[in-house]
PDB file of N, CA and C in Angstrom:
ATOM      1  N   MET A   1      85.953  93.561 116.104  1.00  0.00           N
ATOM      2  CA  MET A   1      86.482  93.822 114.581  1.00  0.00           C
ATOM      3  C   MET A   1      87.175  92.556 114.263  1.00  0.00           C
ATOM      4  N   ASN A   2      86.825  91.722 113.655  1.00  0.00           N
ATOM      5  CA  ASN A   2      88.005  90.693 113.259  1.00  0.00           C
ATOM      6  C   ASN A   2      87.981  90.415 111.388  1.00  0.00           C
ATOM      7  N   ILE A   3      89.064  91.377 111.211  1.00  0.00           N
ATOM      8  CA  ILE A   3      89.861  91.994 110.153  1.00  0.00           C
ATOM      9  C   ILE A   3      91.642  90.910 110.360  1.00  0.00           C
ATOM     10  N   PRO A   4      91.295  90.557 109.204  1.00  0.00           N
ATOM     11  CA  PRO A   4      92.986  90.150 109.243  1.00  0.00           C
ATOM     12  C   PRO A   4      93.882  90.889 108.501  1.00  0.00           C
ATOM     13  N   LEU A   5      95.252  90.953 109.547  1.00  0.00           N
ATOM     14  CA  LEU A   5      95.981  92.025 108.844  1.00  0.00           C
ATOM     15  C   LEU A   5      96.937  91.845 108.424  1.00  0.00           C
ATOM     16  N   PRO A   6      97.468  92.307 107.156  1.00  0.00           N
ATOM     17  CA  PRO A   6      97.967  91.952 106.073  1.00  0.00           C
ATOM     18  C   PRO A   6      99.370  91.253 106.284  1.00  0.00           C
ATOM     19  N   PHE A   7     100.299  91.975 107.485  1.00  0.00           N
ATOM     20  CA  PHE A   7     101.626  91.339 108.058  1.00  0.00           C
ATOM     21  C   PHE A   7     101.613  90.035 108.904  1.00  0.00           C
ATOM     22  N   THR A   8     100.511  89.358 109.217  1.00  0.00           N
ATOM     23  CA  THR A   8     100.413  88.338 110.035  1.00  0.00           C
ATOM     24  C   THR A   8     101.091  86.966 109.638  1.00  0.00           C
ATOM     25  N   GLU A   9     101.183  86.910 108.162  1.00  0.00           N
ATOM     26  CA  GLU A   9     101.758  85.810 107.913  1.00  0.00           C
ATOM     27  C   GLU A   9     103.790  86.210 107.566  1.00  0.00           C
ATOM     28  N   ASP A  10     103.967  87.290 107.117  1.00  0.00           N
ATOM     29  CA  ASP A  10     105.290  87.986 107.265  1.00  0.00           C
ATOM     30  C   ASP A  10     106.523  87.520 108.062  1.00  0.00           C
ATOM     31  N   LYS A  11     107.272  87.520 108.091  1.00  0.00           N
ATOM     32  CA  LYS A  11     108.358  86.541 109.137  1.00  0.00           C
ATOM     33  C   LYS A  11     108.858  88.233 109.577  1.00  0.00           C
ATOM     34  N   TYR A  12     109.102  88.677 108.628  1.00  0.00           N
ATOM     35  CA  TYR A  12     109.755  90.129 108.680  1.00  0.00           C
ATOM     36  C   TYR A  12     108.664  91.077 109.214  1.00  0.00           C
ATOM     37  N   ALA A  13     107.516  90.985 109.312  1.00  0.00           N
ATOM     38  CA  ALA A  13     106.268  91.829 109.412  1.00  0.00           C
ATOM     39  C   ALA A  13     106.812  92.861 110.851  1.00  0.00           C
ATOM     40  N   TRP A  14     107.455  92.493 111.483  1.00  0.00           N
ATOM     41  CA  TRP A  14     107.436  93.586 113.013  1.00  0.00           C
ATOM     42  C   TRP A  14     108.401  94.285 112.954  1.00  0.00           C
ATOM     43  N   ILE A  15     109.397  94.313 112.030  1.00  0.00           N
ATOM     44  CA  ILE A  15     110.486  95.349 111.780  1.00  0.00           C
ATOM     45  C   ILE A  15     110.436  95.773 110.615  1.00  0.00           C
ATOM     46  N   VAL A  16     109.399  95.411 109.568  1.00  0.00           N
ATOM     47  CA  VAL A  16     108.709  96.403 108.731  1.00  0.00           C
ATOM     48  C   VAL A  16     107.783  97.504 109.679  1.00  0.00           C
ATOM     49  N   ILE A  17     107.064  97.111 110.533  1.00  0.00           N
ATOM     50  CA  ILE A  17     105.853  97.557 111.225  1.00  0.00           C
ATOM     51  C   ILE A  17     106.698  98.467 112.176  1.00  0.00           C
ATOM     52  N   CYS A  18     108.315  98.367 112.933  1.00  0.00           N
ATOM     53  CA  CYS A  18     108.857  99.204 113.883  1.00  0.00           C
ATOM     54  C   CYS A  18     109.394 100.269 112.737  1.00  0.00           C
ATOM     55  N   VAL A  19     110.028 100.019 111.541  1.00  0.00           N
ATOM     56  CA  VAL A  19     110.453 100.834 110.393  1.00  0.00           C
ATOM     57  C   VAL A  19     109.519 101.953 110.179  1.00  0.00           C
ATOM     58  N   ILE A  20     107.720 101.700 109.870  1.00  0.00           N
ATOM     59  CA  ILE A  20     107.188 102.389 109.815  1.00  0.00           C
ATOM     60  C   ILE A  20     107.291 103.490 110.483  1.00  0.00           C
ATOM     61  N   SER A  21     106.470 102.618 111.522  1.00  0.00           N
ATOM     62  CA  SER A  21     106.306 103.355 112.784  1.00  0.00           C
ATOM     63  C   SER A  21     107.592 104.230 113.398  1.00  0.00           C
ATOM     64  N   PHE A  22     108.589 103.990 113.234  1.00  0.00           N
ATOM     65  CA  PHE A  22     109.590 105.064 113.749  1.00  0.00           C
ATOM     66  C   PHE A  22     109.907 106.041 112.676  1.00  0.00           C
ATOM     67  N   PHE A  23     109.538 106.386 111.264  1.00  0.00           N
ATOM     68  CA  PHE A  23     109.686 107.501 110.577  1.00  0.00           C
ATOM     69  C   PHE A  23     108.416 108.237 110.942  1.00  0.00           C
ATOM     70  N   LEU A  24     107.035 107.784 111.380  1.00  0.00           N
ATOM     71  CA  LEU A  24     106.017 108.082 110.992  1.00  0.00           C
ATOM     72  C   LEU A  24     106.417 108.998 112.580  1.00  0.00           C
ATOM     73  N   TRP A  25     106.732 108.565 112.953  1.00  0.00           N
ATOM     74  CA  TRP A  25     107.260 109.078 114.988  1.00  0.00           C
ATOM     75  C   TRP A  25     108.314 110.418 114.422  1.00  0.00           C
ATOM     76  N   ILE A  26     109.177 109.793 113.547  1.00  0.00           N
ATOM     77  CA  ILE A  26     110.438 111.134 113.189  1.00  0.00           C
ATOM     78  C   ILE A  26     109.383 112.371 112.578  1.00  0.00           C
ATOM     79  N   ALA A  27     108.922 112.081 111.112  1.00  0.00           N
ATOM     80  CA  ALA A  27     107.730 112.940 110.549  1.00  0.00           C
ATOM     81  C   ALA A  27     106.581 114.035 111.862  1.00  0.00           C
ATOM     82  N   LEU A  28     106.018 113.450 112.294  1.00  0.00           N
ATOM     83  CA  LEU A  28     105.294 113.661 113.544  1.00  0.00           C
ATOM     84  C   LEU A  28     106.114 114.513 114.389  1.00  0.00           C
ATOM     85  N   SER A  29     107.446 114.235 114.572  1.00  0.00           N
ATOM     86  CA  SER A  29     107.982 114.722 115.906  1.00  0.00           C
ATOM     87  C   SER A  29     108.373 116.302 115.071  1.00  0.00           C
ATOM     88  N   ARG A  30     109.181 116.478 113.661  1.00  0.00           N
ATOM     89  CA  ARG A  30     109.366 117.570 112.840  1.00  0.00           C
ATOM     90  C   ARG A  30     108.282 118.441 112.188  1.00  0.00           C
ATOM     91  N   LEU A  31     107.540 117.415 112.249  1.00  0.00           N
ATOM     92  CA  LEU A  31     105.738 118.196 112.304  1.00  0.00           C
ATOM     93  C   LEU A  31     105.176 119.988 112.824  1.00  0.00           C
ATOM     94  N   LEU A  32     105.125 119.162 113.896  1.00  0.00           N
ATOM     95  CA  LEU A  32     104.792 119.492 115.598  1.00  0.00           C
ATOM     96  C   LEU A  32     106.342 120.716 115.695  1.00  0.00           C
ATOM     97  N   ARG A  33     107.053 120.355 115.884  1.00  0.00           N
ATOM     98  CA  ARG A  33     108.401 121.313 116.135  1.00  0.00           C
ATOM     99  C   ARG A  33     108.345 122.478 115.086  1.00  0.00           C
ATOM    100  N   TRP A  34     108.090 122.155 113.447  1.00  0.00           N
ATOM    101  CA  TRP A  34     108.038 123.287 112.320  1.00  0.00           C
ATOM    102  C   TRP A  34     106.510 124.269 113.458  1.00  0.00           C
ATOM    103  N   ILE A  35     105.477 123.506 113.762  1.00  0.00           N
ATOM    104  CA  ILE A  35     104.235 124.610 114.065  1.00  0.00           C
ATOM    105  C   ILE A  35     104.685 125.454 115.201  1.00  0.00           C
ATOM    106  N   VAL A  36     105.526 124.377 116.437  1.00  0.00           N
ATOM    107  CA  VAL A  36     105.735 125.299 117.429  1.00  0.00           C
ATOM    108  C   VAL A  36     106.456 126.409 117.385  1.00  0.00           C
ATOM    109  N   HIS A  37     107.967 126.445 116.289  1.00  0.00           N
ATOM    110  CA  HIS A  37     108.606 127.297 115.858  1.00  0.00           C
ATOM    111  C   HIS A  37     108.142 128.628 114.888  1.00  0.00           C
ATOM    112  N   LYS A  38     107.146 128.212 114.584  1.00  0.00           N
ATOM    113  CA  LYS A  38     106.456 128.817 113.715  1.00  0.00           C
ATOM    114  C   LYS A  38     105.961 130.033 114.139  1.00  0.00           C
ATOM    115  N   ARG A  39     105.222 130.104 115.346  1.00  0.00           N
ATOM    116  CA  ARG A  39     104.862 130.922 115.702  1.00  0.00           C
ATOM    117  C   ARG A  39     105.750 131.826 116.702  1.00  0.00           C
TER     118      ARG A  39
END
């Protein structure tokens, strides 16, 4: 699939992607921890 990514032209794109993935990682870890402690 040759789909042009929206952040390829941006200079700070990798910083934005790293920040977004970092917050997604925190949210997923909190959600999984909540599911584990709920039982």
